[in-house]
Protein backbone atom coordinates (compact mmCIF):
# COMPACT_ATOMS: atom_id res chain seq x y z
CA UNK A 1 -50.78 -1.75 62.84
CA UNK A 2 -50.73 -4.31 65.65
CA UNK A 3 -53.26 -5.37 68.25
CA UNK A 4 -52.68 -6.00 71.92
CA UNK A 5 -52.60 -9.65 72.88
CA UNK A 6 -55.05 -10.95 75.44
CA UNK A 7 -52.47 -12.55 77.69
CA UNK A 8 -49.35 -10.63 78.61
CA UNK A 9 -47.72 -13.65 80.23
CA UNK A 10 -47.25 -15.24 76.83
CA UNK A 11 -45.13 -12.33 75.67
CA UNK A 12 -42.80 -12.47 78.66
CA UNK A 13 -41.98 -16.03 77.61
CA UNK A 14 -41.59 -15.03 73.97
CA UNK A 15 -39.28 -12.15 74.83
CA UNK A 16 -37.09 -14.34 77.01
CA UNK A 17 -36.81 -17.07 74.38
CA UNK A 18 -36.15 -14.70 71.51
CA UNK A 19 -33.74 -12.41 73.25
CA UNK A 20 -31.61 -14.65 75.42
CA UNK A 21 -29.76 -11.54 76.57
CA UNK A 22 -30.34 -8.87 79.22
CA UNK A 23 -32.44 -5.92 78.11
CA UNK A 24 -30.19 -2.94 77.60
CA UNK A 25 -30.00 0.11 75.39
CA UNK A 26 -26.27 -0.26 74.80
CA UNK A 27 -24.39 1.77 72.20
CA UNK A 28 -22.53 -1.20 70.76
CA UNK A 29 -23.09 -0.96 67.01
CA UNK A 30 -20.81 1.05 64.79
CA UNK A 31 -22.90 3.26 62.54
CA UNK A 32 -23.12 6.88 61.50
CA UNK A 33 -23.69 8.28 64.98
CA UNK A 34 -22.67 11.72 63.77
CA UNK A 35 -25.78 12.28 61.65
CA UNK A 36 -27.52 15.52 62.60
CA UNK A 37 -30.90 15.15 64.28
CA UNK A 38 -32.59 16.86 61.35
CA UNK A 39 -31.39 14.06 59.06
CA UNK A 40 -32.44 11.30 61.46
CA UNK A 41 -36.10 12.29 61.70
CA UNK A 42 -38.46 11.78 58.79
CA UNK A 43 -42.11 11.22 58.00
CA UNK A 44 -43.97 8.38 56.36
CA UNK A 45 -46.06 10.27 53.83
CA UNK A 46 -48.49 9.60 50.96
CA UNK A 47 -47.94 12.53 48.65
CA UNK A 48 -47.44 10.31 45.59
CA UNK A 49 -51.21 9.83 45.59
CA UNK A 50 -51.91 13.55 45.40
CA UNK A 51 -51.89 15.91 42.45
CA UNK A 52 -48.30 17.16 41.94
CA UNK A 53 -48.98 20.70 43.17
CA UNK A 54 -50.84 19.42 46.21
CA UNK A 55 -48.10 16.94 47.00
CA UNK A 56 -45.54 19.72 46.75
CA UNK A 57 -47.50 21.81 49.24
CA UNK A 58 -47.54 19.01 51.83
CA UNK A 59 -43.84 18.28 51.40
CA UNK A 60 -43.03 21.99 51.49
CA UNK A 61 -44.59 22.30 54.95
CA UNK A 62 -42.42 19.47 56.19
CA UNK A 63 -39.27 20.88 54.65
CA UNK A 64 -39.95 24.30 56.18
CA UNK A 65 -40.10 22.59 59.57
CA UNK A 66 -36.68 20.96 59.14
CA UNK A 67 -37.65 17.54 57.76
CA UNK A 68 -35.24 16.18 55.16
CA UNK A 69 -36.47 12.57 54.74
CA UNK A 70 -39.81 11.06 53.74
CA UNK A 71 -40.91 7.49 53.16
CA UNK A 72 -43.23 6.93 50.21
CA UNK A 73 -44.83 3.89 48.59
CA UNK A 74 -43.55 2.98 45.14
CA UNK A 75 -46.52 0.75 44.43
CA UNK A 76 -45.64 -1.98 41.96
CA UNK A 77 -49.23 -2.54 40.85
CA UNK A 78 -49.44 1.14 39.89
CA UNK A 79 -46.02 1.57 38.36
CA UNK A 80 -45.91 -1.63 36.27
CA UNK A 81 -49.56 -2.45 35.49
CA UNK A 82 -48.46 -4.74 32.65
CA UNK A 83 -45.27 -6.75 32.50
CA UNK A 84 -42.49 -4.54 31.21
CA UNK A 85 -44.74 -1.47 30.80
CA UNK A 86 -43.85 1.13 33.40
CA UNK A 87 -46.02 4.13 34.20
CA UNK A 88 -43.82 6.50 36.19
CA UNK A 89 -46.26 9.42 36.37
CA UNK A 90 -46.84 9.37 40.14
CA UNK A 91 -43.27 8.63 41.15
CA UNK A 92 -41.85 11.16 38.69
CA UNK A 93 -44.01 13.89 40.24
CA UNK A 94 -42.92 12.83 43.72
CA UNK A 95 -39.23 12.81 42.85
CA UNK A 96 -39.49 16.18 41.11
CA UNK A 97 -41.07 17.67 44.23
CA UNK A 98 -38.42 16.07 46.43
CA UNK A 99 -35.65 17.48 44.24
CA UNK A 100 -37.12 20.97 44.23
CA UNK A 101 -37.32 20.90 48.04
CA UNK A 102 -34.06 19.12 48.79
CA UNK A 103 -35.82 16.13 50.39
CA UNK A 104 -34.52 12.55 50.44
CA UNK A 105 -36.96 9.73 49.66
CA UNK A 106 -36.97 6.25 51.16
CA UNK A 107 -38.77 4.21 48.49
CA UNK A 108 -40.93 1.33 49.74
CA UNK A 109 -41.25 -1.16 46.88
CA UNK A 110 -44.34 -3.27 47.46
CA UNK A 111 -47.68 -4.69 46.31
CA UNK A 112 -47.88 -6.82 43.23
CA UNK A 113 -49.77 -6.25 39.98
CA UNK A 114 -52.28 -8.97 39.04
CA UNK A 115 -50.15 -10.22 36.16
CA UNK A 116 -47.42 -11.16 38.65
CA UNK A 117 -49.68 -13.04 41.09
CA UNK A 118 -52.84 -14.19 39.30
CA UNK A 119 -54.89 -12.39 41.97
CA UNK A 120 -56.76 -9.42 40.48
CA UNK A 121 -58.74 -8.99 43.71
CA UNK A 122 -55.77 -7.72 45.74
CA UNK A 123 -52.25 -6.42 45.22
CA UNK A 124 -51.07 -7.75 48.60
CA UNK A 125 -50.15 -11.21 47.28
CA UNK A 126 -46.44 -11.82 46.69
CA UNK A 127 -45.36 -12.50 43.10
CA UNK A 128 -45.21 -16.04 41.79
CA UNK A 129 -41.79 -15.30 40.31
CA UNK A 130 -39.46 -13.33 42.57
CA UNK A 131 -37.50 -12.33 39.50
CA UNK A 132 -40.38 -10.09 38.43
CA UNK A 133 -40.18 -8.18 41.70
CA UNK A 134 -36.38 -8.01 41.46
CA UNK A 135 -36.61 -6.40 38.03
CA UNK A 136 -39.13 -3.88 39.34
CA UNK A 137 -36.95 -2.84 42.28
CA UNK A 138 -33.94 -2.56 39.98
CA UNK A 139 -36.03 -0.38 37.66
CA UNK A 140 -36.67 2.02 40.57
CA UNK A 141 -32.94 2.25 41.22
CA UNK A 142 -32.16 2.63 37.50
CA UNK A 143 -34.61 5.50 37.14
CA UNK A 144 -34.21 7.40 40.41
CA UNK A 145 -30.86 6.33 41.79
CA UNK A 146 -27.59 8.16 41.34
CA UNK A 147 -27.20 9.07 37.64
CA UNK A 148 -30.61 7.53 36.97
CA UNK A 149 -32.59 8.07 33.79
CA UNK A 150 -35.02 10.45 35.52
CA UNK A 151 -32.19 12.85 36.34
CA UNK A 152 -30.86 12.68 32.79
CA UNK A 153 -34.33 13.56 31.51
CA UNK A 154 -34.47 16.55 33.88
CA UNK A 155 -30.95 18.03 33.85
CA UNK A 156 -32.05 21.32 35.41
CA UNK A 157 -33.18 19.65 38.62
CA UNK A 158 -30.75 19.53 41.52
CA UNK A 159 -30.57 15.79 41.98
CA UNK A 160 -31.97 14.16 45.11
CA UNK A 161 -31.56 10.52 44.12
CA UNK A 162 -33.11 7.53 45.84
CA UNK A 163 -30.35 6.08 47.99
CA UNK A 164 -32.46 3.70 50.11
CA UNK A 165 -35.18 1.19 49.20
CA UNK A 166 -37.35 -0.78 51.62
CA UNK A 167 -38.19 -4.25 50.32
CA UNK A 168 -41.95 -4.65 50.88
CA UNK A 169 -44.05 -3.32 53.76
CA UNK A 170 -44.88 -5.42 56.83
CA UNK A 171 -44.53 -8.86 55.20
CA UNK A 172 -45.06 -10.43 58.62
CA UNK A 173 -48.71 -9.31 58.53
CA UNK A 174 -51.13 -11.31 56.40
CA UNK A 175 -52.93 -8.11 55.41
CA UNK A 176 -49.82 -7.21 53.39
CA UNK A 177 -48.64 -10.73 52.47
CA UNK A 178 -51.68 -12.74 51.52
CA UNK A 179 -52.95 -15.28 52.24
CA UNK A 180 -50.51 -15.80 55.14
CA UNK A 181 -47.12 -14.44 56.19
CA UNK A 182 -44.26 -16.60 54.94
CA UNK A 183 -40.74 -15.70 56.11
CA UNK A 184 -39.09 -18.23 53.80
CA UNK A 185 -40.84 -16.76 50.77
CA UNK A 186 -39.96 -13.25 51.90
CA UNK A 187 -36.29 -14.23 52.21
CA UNK A 188 -36.37 -15.45 48.60
CA UNK A 189 -37.94 -12.17 47.51
CA UNK A 190 -35.31 -10.11 49.32
CA UNK A 191 -32.41 -12.14 47.94
CA UNK A 192 -33.63 -11.81 44.36
CA UNK A 193 -34.17 -8.06 44.65
CA UNK A 194 -30.92 -7.41 46.50
CA UNK A 195 -28.80 -9.32 43.98
CA UNK A 196 -30.44 -7.51 41.08
CA UNK A 197 -30.07 -4.04 42.60
CA UNK A 198 -26.58 -4.39 44.02
CA UNK A 199 -25.22 -5.63 40.67
CA UNK A 200 -25.83 -2.14 39.25
CA UNK A 201 -26.11 0.03 42.37
CA UNK A 202 -23.74 -1.36 45.00
CA UNK A 203 -23.97 1.72 47.22
CA UNK A 204 -27.74 1.83 47.53
CA UNK A 205 -29.09 0.99 51.00
CA UNK A 206 -31.54 -1.91 51.02
CA UNK A 207 -33.84 -2.48 54.01
CA UNK A 208 -35.48 -5.78 54.92
CA UNK A 209 -38.24 -6.18 57.49
CA UNK A 210 -36.99 -7.17 60.94
CA UNK A 211 -40.10 -6.74 63.06
CA UNK A 212 -40.89 -8.67 66.24
CA UNK A 213 -44.34 -7.97 67.65
CA UNK A 214 -47.40 -9.44 69.30
CA UNK A 215 -49.06 -10.28 65.98
CA UNK A 216 -46.31 -12.60 64.70
CA UNK A 217 -43.58 -12.86 67.36
CA UNK A 218 -41.70 -15.78 65.78
CA UNK A 219 -41.55 -14.40 62.26
CA UNK A 220 -38.16 -12.68 62.48
CA UNK A 221 -36.39 -15.71 63.93
CA UNK A 222 -37.81 -17.82 61.10
CA UNK A 223 -36.64 -15.22 58.60
CA UNK A 224 -33.10 -15.24 59.97
CA UNK A 225 -33.00 -19.02 59.75
CA UNK A 226 -34.35 -19.05 56.20
CA UNK A 227 -31.17 -17.67 54.57
CA UNK A 228 -28.31 -16.98 57.01
CA UNK A 229 -25.74 -16.14 54.29
CA UNK A 230 -28.04 -13.43 52.90
CA UNK A 231 -28.45 -11.67 56.23
CA UNK A 232 -24.75 -11.87 57.01
CA UNK A 233 -23.85 -10.39 53.63
CA UNK A 234 -23.76 -6.80 52.44
CA UNK A 235 -26.67 -7.40 50.07
CA UNK A 236 -29.00 -6.15 52.82
CA UNK A 237 -27.86 -3.10 54.74
CA UNK A 238 -30.45 -2.45 57.44
CA UNK A 239 -33.50 -3.81 59.25
CA UNK A 240 -36.82 -1.99 59.03
CA UNK A 241 -39.01 -2.00 62.16
CA UNK A 242 -42.44 -0.59 63.08
CA UNK A 243 -42.57 -0.31 66.90
CA UNK A 244 -46.17 0.81 67.37
CA UNK A 245 -47.08 0.44 71.03
CA UNK A 246 -50.81 1.14 71.16
CA UNK A 247 -51.61 3.85 73.73
CA UNK A 248 -48.50 3.29 75.86
CA UNK A 249 -45.63 5.69 76.30
CA UNK A 250 -42.45 4.87 74.34
CA UNK A 251 -40.64 4.97 77.67
CA UNK A 252 -42.66 2.10 79.14
CA UNK A 253 -40.55 -1.01 79.74
CA UNK A 254 -42.69 -2.91 82.24
CA UNK A 255 -44.90 -4.43 79.57
CA UNK A 256 -43.94 -7.58 77.66
CA UNK A 257 -41.38 -6.55 75.12
CA UNK A 258 -43.22 -7.44 71.88
CA UNK A 259 -45.79 -4.71 72.60
CA UNK A 260 -43.46 -1.93 73.77
CA UNK A 261 -41.55 0.64 71.75
CA UNK A 262 -38.22 -0.70 72.98
CA UNK A 263 -38.79 -4.02 71.24
CA UNK A 264 -36.42 -2.61 68.63
CA UNK A 265 -33.75 -3.85 71.07
CA UNK A 266 -35.17 -7.33 70.61
CA UNK A 267 -34.71 -7.11 66.85
CA UNK A 268 -31.18 -5.85 67.31
CA UNK A 269 -30.18 -8.56 69.77
CA UNK A 270 -31.73 -11.43 67.82
CA UNK A 271 -30.05 -10.29 64.61
CA UNK A 272 -26.73 -10.16 66.43
CA UNK A 273 -27.24 -13.72 67.65
CA UNK A 274 -27.41 -14.81 64.00
CA UNK A 275 -24.37 -12.70 63.04
CA UNK A 276 -26.73 -10.44 61.11
CA UNK A 277 -26.39 -7.23 63.10
CA UNK A 278 -27.26 -4.21 60.99
CA UNK A 279 -28.43 -0.64 61.63
CA UNK A 280 -32.15 -0.22 62.28
CA UNK A 281 -34.48 2.12 60.44
CA UNK A 282 -37.78 2.78 62.21
CA UNK A 283 -39.81 3.30 59.05
CA UNK A 284 -43.15 3.74 60.83
CA UNK A 285 -44.24 4.64 64.34
CA UNK A 286 -46.88 6.83 65.89
CA UNK A 287 -49.97 7.20 68.04
CA UNK A 288 -53.55 7.60 66.85
CA UNK A 289 -55.76 10.43 68.04
CA UNK A 290 -59.13 9.42 66.57
CA UNK A 291 -61.27 9.01 69.65
CA UNK A 292 -63.15 6.10 68.15
CA UNK A 293 -60.05 3.94 68.41
CA UNK A 294 -59.62 1.63 71.38
CA UNK A 295 -56.00 2.73 71.83
CA UNK A 296 -56.32 6.40 70.85
CA UNK A 297 -54.60 9.12 72.85
CA UNK A 298 -55.16 12.85 73.16
CA UNK A 299 -53.35 15.27 70.87
CA UNK A 300 -51.25 16.45 73.80
CA UNK A 301 -50.30 12.88 74.67
CA UNK A 302 -49.44 12.16 71.05
CA UNK A 303 -47.11 15.16 71.07
CA UNK A 304 -45.38 14.05 74.25
CA UNK A 305 -45.01 10.43 73.13
CA UNK A 306 -43.67 11.34 69.68
CA UNK A 307 -41.14 13.71 71.20
CA UNK A 308 -40.06 11.20 73.87
CA UNK A 309 -39.61 8.51 71.20
CA UNK A 310 -37.52 10.77 68.99
CA UNK A 311 -35.35 11.86 71.89
CA UNK A 312 -34.77 8.19 72.73
CA UNK A 313 -33.78 7.17 69.20
CA UNK A 314 -31.53 10.18 68.63
CA UNK A 315 -29.67 9.90 71.95
CA UNK A 316 -29.52 6.52 73.72
CA UNK A 317 -30.10 4.56 70.50
CA UNK A 318 -28.26 6.82 68.09
CA UNK A 319 -25.48 4.29 67.49
CA UNK A 320 -27.79 1.72 65.96
CA UNK A 321 -31.03 3.48 64.89
CA UNK A 322 -30.16 5.24 61.66
CA UNK A 323 -33.44 7.03 60.93
CA UNK A 324 -36.99 7.19 62.27
CA UNK A 325 -40.13 8.04 60.30
CA UNK A 326 -43.21 9.34 62.08
CA UNK A 327 -46.52 8.03 60.75
CA UNK A 328 -48.02 10.11 59.19
CA UNK A 329 -48.18 13.44 57.36
CA UNK A 330 -50.60 13.50 54.46
CA UNK A 331 -53.92 14.83 53.26
CA UNK A 332 -56.37 14.23 56.13
CA UNK A 333 -58.85 12.48 53.84
CA UNK A 334 -56.22 9.84 53.06
CA UNK A 335 -55.45 9.00 56.70
CA UNK A 336 -57.18 10.36 59.77
CA UNK A 337 -56.14 8.12 62.64
CA UNK A 338 -52.42 8.76 63.03
CA UNK A 339 -52.14 11.93 60.97
CA UNK A 340 -50.35 14.91 62.49
CA UNK A 341 -52.72 17.08 60.45
CA UNK A 342 -56.31 17.70 61.51
CA UNK A 343 -59.24 17.48 59.07
CA UNK A 344 -59.06 21.25 58.57
CA UNK A 345 -55.37 20.98 57.62
CA UNK A 346 -54.00 22.55 60.79
CA UNK A 347 -51.13 20.79 62.53
CA UNK A 348 -51.50 18.88 65.77
CA UNK A 349 -49.19 19.70 68.70
CA UNK A 350 -46.88 16.80 67.82
CA UNK A 351 -45.70 18.70 64.76
CA UNK A 352 -44.65 21.68 66.86
CA UNK A 353 -42.87 19.35 69.27
CA UNK A 354 -40.88 17.84 66.39
CA UNK A 355 -39.99 21.27 65.03
CA UNK A 356 -38.72 22.38 68.44
CA UNK A 357 -36.70 19.21 68.80
CA UNK A 358 -35.00 19.66 65.43
CA UNK A 359 -34.39 23.37 65.92
CA UNK A 360 -32.97 22.90 69.38
CA UNK A 361 -30.66 19.98 68.76
CA UNK A 362 -29.14 20.34 65.32
CA UNK A 363 -27.43 23.13 63.52
CA UNK A 364 -28.26 21.74 60.06
CA UNK A 365 -31.84 21.61 58.92
């Protein structure tokens, strides 16, 4: 999550320096523009942390509403608590549920075990040896990818393999990359993981963080400069972005770009300047409704904003935004600020707005 800067003038300067091009929602990138709306819209969920039956129930509600993609954490510190010893219990349950429901999973591989960092107090430190992380990400692909060991162990399941992996979560934010964000170190991490995965799974889609925002506006430029050959290669296939925009509408463009939803255009343009243009995946976005928050909105406003954002990304931006994941859909006790579920488990109006959008604009669910 990001926080509004105190001086908007600073961000006008930042946007101008970073972009260097007119602001426009052009349809210039060649991507899979023919994807049905129901396959473009997903949810960032947390069902891996629930009991298998409970996780199935939450995913089943999504699937019944037309959702075919979810984003889930594949937490390294949980899955490999000791070097070389994998505990796949949570992720196996998740993938079984996904297969039973015909749901695709974007796996977010993040958060180091203490043995990899020397920091038992937090799993948000990057590993000392990027090779350890690379082996972990490859293990996810080996187990859950096409013809993975999980599917061989469960031959009666209709396979729904992992075909996309996101390399870490918000590495530009020190809360997730302690003690301070380091784009050069993140580039090394991505290169190691991408080389390891692509050697065995060349068709898997790998996402690297490409965020530009008011918390760390220069991070993405530094990342692009850290390893230009990597970003120009096919080792990385897409940029992941999280265009939270506080309590503003996604249609607002008068604000400085690093705090508006359309800053995804800034990521796209800057990447193109470095010959690193790739499709974008919006792997988190949303609006909070908890009234204790300084940038909370009403449930009705949340519904309108979510719908407006999804219309934008599936029409004007459909040529370069591959998929978009609403944050969040999970057990209310796990997340109450942005959740589209109320504490009593009933759905907020935003969920009905998404269902109507999918039902009205795609023939495949």
